[in-house]
Amino acid sequence: MDNEEYASVSLIETPMDLSGRELICYPYLIVLCKVCMPRMFMKPRVAWTVITVDLVKGVPLRSNMFPETKEISIKPSALVPAVLSNEEAIQKSRKLVLRWVMYKFHAFKNPEIEIVKQQAVYKAFFFAEADGKEILVDSVKGLTPEDL
């Protein structure tokens, strides 16, 4: 195995056994944000949130946690190329955090949004045989009876 042909990427931990499978890796940027909201006559309110930005579609979504990852070596041809840059993804995550703060806390002043941690990760997909058909399986969600 020649290491020049392989790229090292962070893969989101999964309960599935991925060894021996041909993987397709989809890119995401995970951003941990600390939000400080000023309040009159009180200390600033501090809130934490995690945003996951799809680097292909450009869609930011709130997450419930920063996922565990592991490093794997994979061929670059198995990586879906990212359309958004990290700077654009961070800007989209800041906009989503601002919308969330305005909805959740009814803030009247602009909050201070600090990017505490960011990590480029990939989610693995693989092909499986089910009922004589080849289907694409998400390694984090798995399969449900509706998928079959």
N, C-alpha and C. Protein backbone atom coordinates (compact mmCIF):
# COMPACT_ATOMS: atom_id res chain seq x y z
N MET A 1 0.86 -1.18 0.00
CA MET A 1 0.00 0.00 0.00
C MET A 1 0.90 1.23 0.00
N ASP A 2 0.75 2.07 -1.01
CA ASP A 2 1.58 3.25 -1.17
C ASP A 2 0.86 4.45 -0.54
N ASN A 3 1.45 5.08 0.48
CA ASN A 3 0.79 6.15 1.22
C ASN A 3 0.65 7.43 0.43
N GLU A 4 1.41 7.59 -0.68
CA GLU A 4 1.27 8.80 -1.49
C GLU A 4 -0.09 8.83 -2.18
N GLU A 5 -0.71 7.67 -2.39
CA GLU A 5 -2.00 7.60 -3.07
C GLU A 5 -3.17 7.80 -2.11
N TYR A 6 -2.92 7.87 -0.83
CA TYR A 6 -4.00 7.94 0.16
C TYR A 6 -3.98 9.27 0.90
N ALA A 7 -5.19 9.73 1.27
CA ALA A 7 -5.33 10.96 2.05
C ALA A 7 -5.81 10.56 3.44
N SER A 8 -5.35 11.29 4.45
CA SER A 8 -5.79 11.05 5.82
C SER A 8 -6.91 12.03 6.14
N VAL A 9 -8.08 11.49 6.54
CA VAL A 9 -9.25 12.32 6.83
C VAL A 9 -9.84 11.91 8.18
N SER A 10 -10.60 12.83 8.79
CA SER A 10 -11.34 12.55 10.02
C SER A 10 -12.71 12.02 9.64
N LEU A 11 -13.03 10.84 10.14
CA LEU A 11 -14.30 10.20 9.85
C LEU A 11 -15.15 10.17 11.11
N ILE A 12 -16.43 10.51 11.00
CA ILE A 12 -17.33 10.49 12.15
C ILE A 12 -17.47 9.05 12.63
N GLU A 13 -17.30 8.84 13.95
CA GLU A 13 -17.41 7.50 14.54
C GLU A 13 -18.77 6.90 14.23
N THR A 14 -18.78 5.62 13.98
CA THR A 14 -20.00 4.92 13.64
C THR A 14 -20.04 3.56 14.35
N PRO A 15 -21.23 3.09 14.70
CA PRO A 15 -21.30 1.77 15.33
C PRO A 15 -21.12 0.62 14.33
N MET A 16 -21.12 0.92 13.04
CA MET A 16 -20.99 -0.12 12.01
C MET A 16 -19.54 -0.47 11.78
N ASP A 17 -19.32 -1.72 11.37
CA ASP A 17 -17.99 -2.18 11.00
C ASP A 17 -17.75 -1.81 9.54
N LEU A 18 -16.82 -0.91 9.30
CA LEU A 18 -16.57 -0.41 7.95
C LEU A 18 -15.38 -1.09 7.28
N SER A 19 -14.74 -2.03 7.98
CA SER A 19 -13.56 -2.67 7.41
C SER A 19 -13.97 -3.56 6.23
N GLY A 20 -13.21 -3.49 5.17
CA GLY A 20 -13.47 -4.29 3.98
C GLY A 20 -14.56 -3.74 3.08
N ARG A 21 -15.10 -2.57 3.39
CA ARG A 21 -16.14 -1.96 2.56
C ARG A 21 -15.53 -0.84 1.72
N GLU A 22 -16.11 -0.66 0.56
CA GLU A 22 -15.70 0.45 -0.30
C GLU A 22 -16.50 1.67 0.13
N LEU A 23 -15.81 2.68 0.68
CA LEU A 23 -16.47 3.84 1.27
C LEU A 23 -16.52 5.02 0.30
N ILE A 24 -17.56 5.83 0.49
CA ILE A 24 -17.68 7.14 -0.15
C ILE A 24 -17.80 8.13 1.01
N CYS A 25 -16.95 9.14 1.05
CA CYS A 25 -16.93 10.08 2.19
C CYS A 25 -17.47 11.44 1.78
N TYR A 26 -18.42 11.94 2.57
CA TYR A 26 -19.12 13.20 2.30
C TYR A 26 -18.64 14.26 3.28
N PRO A 27 -18.26 15.47 2.82
CA PRO A 27 -17.61 16.47 3.70
C PRO A 27 -18.58 17.33 4.50
N TYR A 28 -18.20 17.60 5.75
CA TYR A 28 -18.91 18.51 6.64
C TYR A 28 -17.89 19.35 7.39
N LEU A 29 -18.31 20.51 7.86
CA LEU A 29 -17.50 21.30 8.79
C LEU A 29 -18.33 21.44 10.06
N ILE A 30 -17.75 21.01 11.19
CA ILE A 30 -18.42 21.10 12.48
C ILE A 30 -17.82 22.29 13.22
N VAL A 31 -18.68 23.19 13.71
CA VAL A 31 -18.23 24.42 14.35
C VAL A 31 -18.86 24.52 15.74
N LEU A 32 -18.03 24.70 16.76
CA LEU A 32 -18.51 24.92 18.13
C LEU A 32 -18.47 26.42 18.40
N CYS A 33 -19.62 26.99 18.76
CA CYS A 33 -19.74 28.44 18.95
C CYS A 33 -20.10 28.77 20.39
N LYS A 34 -19.47 29.82 20.89
CA LYS A 34 -19.81 30.38 22.20
C LYS A 34 -20.45 31.74 21.93
N VAL A 35 -21.64 31.94 22.48
CA VAL A 35 -22.39 33.16 22.23
C VAL A 35 -22.54 33.92 23.55
N CYS A 36 -22.09 35.18 23.59
CA CYS A 36 -22.25 36.04 24.76
C CYS A 36 -23.26 37.13 24.41
N MET A 37 -24.37 37.14 25.15
CA MET A 37 -25.44 38.11 24.90
C MET A 37 -25.47 39.14 26.03
N PRO A 38 -25.27 40.40 25.71
CA PRO A 38 -25.32 41.43 26.75
C PRO A 38 -26.74 41.61 27.29
N ARG A 39 -26.84 41.83 28.61
CA ARG A 39 -28.14 42.09 29.25
C ARG A 39 -27.97 43.30 30.16
N MET A 40 -29.00 44.10 30.25
CA MET A 40 -28.92 45.30 31.09
C MET A 40 -28.90 44.91 32.57
N PHE A 41 -28.00 45.51 33.31
CA PHE A 41 -27.88 45.37 34.76
C PHE A 41 -27.59 43.94 35.21
N MET A 42 -27.17 43.08 34.31
CA MET A 42 -26.84 41.70 34.67
C MET A 42 -25.59 41.28 33.90
N LYS A 43 -25.04 40.15 34.33
CA LYS A 43 -23.91 39.59 33.60
C LYS A 43 -24.40 39.10 32.23
N PRO A 44 -23.51 39.06 31.25
CA PRO A 44 -23.93 38.57 29.93
C PRO A 44 -24.34 37.10 30.01
N ARG A 45 -25.36 36.75 29.26
CA ARG A 45 -25.79 35.35 29.15
C ARG A 45 -24.86 34.66 28.17
N VAL A 46 -24.41 33.46 28.52
CA VAL A 46 -23.52 32.68 27.65
C VAL A 46 -24.25 31.41 27.22
N ALA A 47 -24.24 31.17 25.93
CA ALA A 47 -24.86 29.96 25.38
C ALA A 47 -23.85 29.29 24.44
N TRP A 48 -23.92 27.98 24.36
CA TRP A 48 -23.04 27.20 23.50
C TRP A 48 -23.90 26.45 22.48
N THR A 49 -23.42 26.34 21.27
CA THR A 49 -24.13 25.57 20.26
C THR A 49 -23.12 25.00 19.26
N VAL A 50 -23.52 23.90 18.65
CA VAL A 50 -22.70 23.26 17.63
C VAL A 50 -23.45 23.35 16.31
N ILE A 51 -22.76 23.75 15.27
CA ILE A 51 -23.35 23.89 13.94
C ILE A 51 -22.60 22.94 12.99
N THR A 52 -23.36 22.20 12.21
CA THR A 52 -22.80 21.33 11.18
C THR A 52 -23.14 21.93 9.83
N VAL A 53 -22.11 22.20 9.03
CA VAL A 53 -22.32 22.80 7.71
C VAL A 53 -21.99 21.75 6.65
N ASP A 54 -22.97 21.48 5.79
CA ASP A 54 -22.78 20.58 4.66
C ASP A 54 -21.94 21.34 3.63
N LEU A 55 -20.74 20.85 3.33
CA LEU A 55 -19.83 21.57 2.45
C LEU A 55 -20.14 21.39 0.96
N VAL A 56 -21.14 20.57 0.64
CA VAL A 56 -21.54 20.40 -0.76
C VAL A 56 -22.79 21.23 -1.05
N LYS A 57 -23.81 21.07 -0.21
CA LYS A 57 -25.07 21.80 -0.42
C LYS A 57 -25.04 23.19 0.19
N GLY A 58 -24.15 23.43 1.17
CA GLY A 58 -24.06 24.73 1.81
C GLY A 58 -25.12 24.96 2.87
N VAL A 59 -25.67 23.91 3.43
CA VAL A 59 -26.75 24.03 4.42
C VAL A 59 -26.18 23.91 5.84
N PRO A 60 -26.35 24.95 6.69
CA PRO A 60 -25.95 24.83 8.09
C PRO A 60 -27.12 24.35 8.94
N LEU A 61 -26.85 23.46 9.88
CA LEU A 61 -27.87 22.94 10.79
C LEU A 61 -27.30 22.89 12.20
N ARG A 62 -28.17 23.11 13.20
CA ARG A 62 -27.75 22.96 14.60
C ARG A 62 -27.61 21.49 14.92
N SER A 63 -26.58 21.17 15.68
CA SER A 63 -26.33 19.79 16.11
C SER A 63 -26.46 19.72 17.61
N ASN A 64 -26.59 18.51 18.12
CA ASN A 64 -26.70 18.38 19.57
C ASN A 64 -25.37 18.11 20.24
N MET A 65 -24.31 17.83 19.47
CA MET A 65 -23.01 17.57 20.06
C MET A 65 -21.91 17.67 19.01
N PHE A 66 -20.69 17.76 19.50
CA PHE A 66 -19.51 17.70 18.64
C PHE A 66 -19.15 16.22 18.52
N PRO A 67 -19.19 15.61 17.33
CA PRO A 67 -19.05 14.16 17.24
C PRO A 67 -17.63 13.67 17.47
N GLU A 68 -17.54 12.41 17.91
CA GLU A 68 -16.25 11.74 18.01
C GLU A 68 -15.80 11.37 16.61
N THR A 69 -14.50 11.48 16.36
CA THR A 69 -13.97 11.15 15.04
C THR A 69 -12.77 10.23 15.17
N LYS A 70 -12.44 9.60 14.06
CA LYS A 70 -11.20 8.81 13.99
C LYS A 70 -10.55 9.08 12.65
N GLU A 71 -9.25 8.98 12.63
CA GLU A 71 -8.49 9.23 11.41
C GLU A 71 -8.42 7.95 10.58
N ILE A 72 -8.69 8.07 9.28
CA ILE A 72 -8.54 6.93 8.37
C ILE A 72 -7.77 7.40 7.14
N SER A 73 -7.19 6.45 6.44
CA SER A 73 -6.54 6.73 5.16
C SER A 73 -7.45 6.20 4.07
N ILE A 74 -7.69 7.04 3.08
CA ILE A 74 -8.62 6.68 2.01
C ILE A 74 -8.14 7.30 0.70
N LYS A 75 -8.52 6.68 -0.39
CA LYS A 75 -8.14 7.21 -1.70
C LYS A 75 -8.86 8.54 -1.94
N PRO A 76 -8.19 9.53 -2.50
CA PRO A 76 -8.84 10.82 -2.77
C PRO A 76 -10.03 10.72 -3.72
N SER A 77 -10.07 9.69 -4.55
CA SER A 77 -11.20 9.53 -5.47
C SER A 77 -12.49 9.14 -4.74
N ALA A 78 -12.38 8.67 -3.48
CA ALA A 78 -13.55 8.28 -2.69
C ALA A 78 -14.11 9.46 -1.88
N LEU A 79 -13.47 10.63 -1.98
CA LEU A 79 -13.93 11.81 -1.25
C LEU A 79 -14.78 12.68 -2.18
N VAL A 80 -15.97 13.03 -1.70
CA VAL A 80 -16.81 13.95 -2.46
C VAL A 80 -16.19 15.34 -2.32
N PRO A 81 -15.91 16.04 -3.42
CA PRO A 81 -15.25 17.35 -3.31
C PRO A 81 -16.17 18.40 -2.69
N ALA A 82 -15.60 19.22 -1.82
CA ALA A 82 -16.36 20.29 -1.15
C ALA A 82 -16.57 21.45 -2.12
N VAL A 83 -17.76 22.02 -2.11
CA VAL A 83 -18.08 23.17 -2.95
C VAL A 83 -17.81 24.46 -2.19
N LEU A 84 -18.13 24.47 -0.88
CA LEU A 84 -17.90 25.64 -0.03
C LEU A 84 -16.50 25.62 0.58
N SER A 85 -15.93 26.79 0.76
CA SER A 85 -14.67 26.89 1.51
C SER A 85 -15.00 26.95 2.99
N ASN A 86 -14.00 26.77 3.83
CA ASN A 86 -14.21 26.84 5.28
C ASN A 86 -14.67 28.23 5.72
N GLU A 87 -14.17 29.28 5.09
CA GLU A 87 -14.57 30.64 5.45
C GLU A 87 -16.05 30.88 5.16
N GLU A 88 -16.51 30.40 4.01
CA GLU A 88 -17.93 30.54 3.67
C GLU A 88 -18.80 29.73 4.63
N ALA A 89 -18.33 28.54 5.01
CA ALA A 89 -19.08 27.69 5.93
C ALA A 89 -19.17 28.33 7.31
N ILE A 90 -18.09 28.97 7.77
CA ILE A 90 -18.11 29.65 9.07
C ILE A 90 -19.06 30.84 9.02
N GLN A 91 -19.07 31.55 7.91
CA GLN A 91 -19.99 32.69 7.77
C GLN A 91 -21.45 32.21 7.81
N LYS A 92 -21.76 31.10 7.16
CA LYS A 92 -23.11 30.54 7.20
C LYS A 92 -23.47 30.08 8.61
N SER A 93 -22.50 29.51 9.33
CA SER A 93 -22.78 29.07 10.69
C SER A 93 -23.03 30.26 11.62
N ARG A 94 -22.30 31.35 11.42
CA ARG A 94 -22.55 32.56 12.22
C ARG A 94 -23.96 33.10 11.98
N LYS A 95 -24.42 33.10 10.72
CA LYS A 95 -25.77 33.57 10.42
C LYS A 95 -26.82 32.70 11.10
N LEU A 96 -26.59 31.38 11.10
CA LEU A 96 -27.55 30.48 11.75
C LEU A 96 -27.55 30.67 13.25
N VAL A 97 -26.38 30.87 13.85
CA VAL A 97 -26.31 31.11 15.30
C VAL A 97 -27.06 32.40 15.64
N LEU A 98 -26.90 33.43 14.85
CA LEU A 98 -27.60 34.69 15.10
C LEU A 98 -29.11 34.51 15.02
N ARG A 99 -29.59 33.78 14.01
CA ARG A 99 -31.03 33.50 13.90
C ARG A 99 -31.54 32.70 15.10
N TRP A 100 -30.74 31.70 15.54
CA TRP A 100 -31.12 30.86 16.68
C TRP A 100 -31.20 31.70 17.96
N VAL A 101 -30.21 32.58 18.17
CA VAL A 101 -30.19 33.43 19.36
C VAL A 101 -31.39 34.36 19.38
N MET A 102 -31.70 34.97 18.25
CA MET A 102 -32.85 35.88 18.18
C MET A 102 -34.16 35.15 18.47
N TYR A 103 -34.25 33.90 18.03
CA TYR A 103 -35.47 33.12 18.26
C TYR A 103 -35.54 32.59 19.70
N LYS A 104 -34.44 32.03 20.17
CA LYS A 104 -34.43 31.35 21.47
C LYS A 104 -34.41 32.32 22.64
N PHE A 105 -33.60 33.36 22.57
CA PHE A 105 -33.38 34.24 23.71
C PHE A 105 -33.98 35.64 23.53
N HIS A 106 -34.52 35.94 22.37
CA HIS A 106 -35.10 37.25 22.09
C HIS A 106 -34.11 38.37 22.42
N ALA A 107 -32.90 38.22 21.94
CA ALA A 107 -31.86 39.22 22.19
C ALA A 107 -32.16 40.49 21.40
N PHE A 108 -31.92 41.63 22.02
CA PHE A 108 -32.18 42.91 21.36
C PHE A 108 -30.90 43.60 20.90
N LYS A 109 -29.76 43.12 21.37
CA LYS A 109 -28.47 43.62 20.90
C LYS A 109 -27.75 42.48 20.20
N ASN A 110 -26.85 42.84 19.31
CA ASN A 110 -26.10 41.81 18.61
C ASN A 110 -25.21 41.05 19.60
N PRO A 111 -25.31 39.74 19.61
CA PRO A 111 -24.46 38.97 20.51
C PRO A 111 -23.05 38.85 19.96
N GLU A 112 -22.14 38.52 20.84
CA GLU A 112 -20.76 38.28 20.45
C GLU A 112 -20.62 36.79 20.19
N ILE A 113 -20.31 36.41 18.95
CA ILE A 113 -20.20 35.01 18.56
C ILE A 113 -18.73 34.66 18.40
N GLU A 114 -18.28 33.71 19.19
CA GLU A 114 -16.88 33.28 19.15
C GLU A 114 -16.82 31.84 18.65
N ILE A 115 -15.98 31.60 17.65
CA ILE A 115 -15.77 30.25 17.14
C ILE A 115 -14.71 29.60 18.02
N VAL A 116 -15.12 28.64 18.82
CA VAL A 116 -14.21 28.01 19.78
C VAL A 116 -13.43 26.88 19.13
N LYS A 117 -14.12 26.08 18.33
CA LYS A 117 -13.49 24.91 17.73
C LYS A 117 -14.14 24.64 16.39
N GLN A 118 -13.34 24.22 15.43
CA GLN A 118 -13.88 23.81 14.14
C GLN A 118 -13.10 22.61 13.64
N GLN A 119 -13.81 21.72 12.95
CA GLN A 119 -13.15 20.53 12.44
C GLN A 119 -13.82 20.08 11.16
N ALA A 120 -13.00 19.82 10.16
CA ALA A 120 -13.50 19.27 8.90
C ALA A 120 -13.59 17.76 9.07
N VAL A 121 -14.79 17.22 8.89
CA VAL A 121 -15.01 15.78 9.06
C VAL A 121 -15.73 15.23 7.83
N TYR A 122 -15.72 13.93 7.73
CA TYR A 122 -16.41 13.24 6.66
C TYR A 122 -17.35 12.20 7.26
N LYS A 123 -18.49 12.00 6.59
CA LYS A 123 -19.40 10.93 6.98
C LYS A 123 -19.31 9.87 5.89
N ALA A 124 -19.20 8.61 6.31
CA ALA A 124 -19.00 7.52 5.35
C ALA A 124 -20.34 6.96 4.87
N PHE A 125 -20.38 6.63 3.60
CA PHE A 125 -21.48 5.92 2.98
C PHE A 125 -20.89 4.70 2.29
N PHE A 126 -21.66 3.63 2.18
CA PHE A 126 -21.20 2.45 1.47
C PHE A 126 -22.38 1.77 0.78
N PHE A 127 -22.08 0.95 -0.20
CA PHE A 127 -23.11 0.21 -0.92
C PHE A 127 -23.34 -1.12 -0.25
N ALA A 128 -24.62 -1.54 -0.19
CA ALA A 128 -24.99 -2.83 0.37
C ALA A 128 -26.07 -3.45 -0.51
N GLU A 129 -26.19 -4.76 -0.42
CA GLU A 129 -27.17 -5.51 -1.17
C GLU A 129 -28.38 -5.77 -0.29
N ALA A 130 -29.58 -5.38 -0.74
CA ALA A 130 -30.81 -5.62 0.01
C ALA A 130 -31.94 -5.95 -0.97
N ASP A 131 -32.54 -7.12 -0.80
CA ASP A 131 -33.64 -7.57 -1.66
C ASP A 131 -33.27 -7.55 -3.14
N GLY A 132 -32.04 -7.93 -3.42
CA GLY A 132 -31.59 -7.98 -4.81
C GLY A 132 -31.26 -6.64 -5.42
N LYS A 133 -31.33 -5.56 -4.62
CA LYS A 133 -31.01 -4.22 -5.11
C LYS A 133 -29.77 -3.72 -4.38
N GLU A 134 -29.00 -2.90 -5.07
CA GLU A 134 -27.85 -2.27 -4.44
C GLU A 134 -28.29 -0.90 -3.93
N ILE A 135 -28.09 -0.67 -2.62
CA ILE A 135 -28.52 0.60 -2.02
C ILE A 135 -27.34 1.26 -1.33
N LEU A 136 -27.42 2.59 -1.19
CA LEU A 136 -26.39 3.38 -0.52
C LEU A 136 -26.79 3.53 0.94
N VAL A 137 -25.90 3.15 1.86
CA VAL A 137 -26.20 3.13 3.29
C VAL A 137 -25.39 4.20 3.99
N ASP A 138 -26.06 5.01 4.81
CA ASP A 138 -25.43 6.01 5.66
C ASP A 138 -24.84 5.28 6.87
N SER A 139 -23.54 5.45 7.12
CA SER A 139 -22.89 4.69 8.20
C SER A 139 -23.27 5.19 9.59
N VAL A 140 -23.81 6.40 9.71
CA VAL A 140 -24.20 6.93 11.03
C VAL A 140 -25.65 6.56 11.33
N LYS A 141 -26.56 6.78 10.38
CA LYS A 141 -27.98 6.49 10.59
C LYS A 141 -28.32 5.03 10.36
N GLY A 142 -27.64 4.37 9.43
CA GLY A 142 -27.94 2.99 9.10
C GLY A 142 -29.16 2.90 8.20
N LEU A 143 -29.83 1.74 8.25
CA LEU A 143 -31.01 1.49 7.43
C LEU A 143 -32.24 1.38 8.29
N THR A 144 -33.35 1.85 7.77
CA THR A 144 -34.64 1.66 8.41
C THR A 144 -35.50 0.82 7.48
N PRO A 145 -36.58 0.22 7.98
CA PRO A 145 -37.45 -0.57 7.09
C PRO A 145 -38.01 0.24 5.92
N GLU A 146 -38.18 1.57 6.09
CA GLU A 146 -38.67 2.41 5.00
C GLU A 146 -37.66 2.51 3.87
N ASP A 147 -36.37 2.33 4.18
CA ASP A 147 -35.33 2.44 3.16
C ASP A 147 -35.33 1.23 2.22
N LEU A 148 -35.85 0.12 2.69
CA LEU A 148 -35.78 -1.12 1.90
C LEU A 148 -36.90 -1.26 0.94
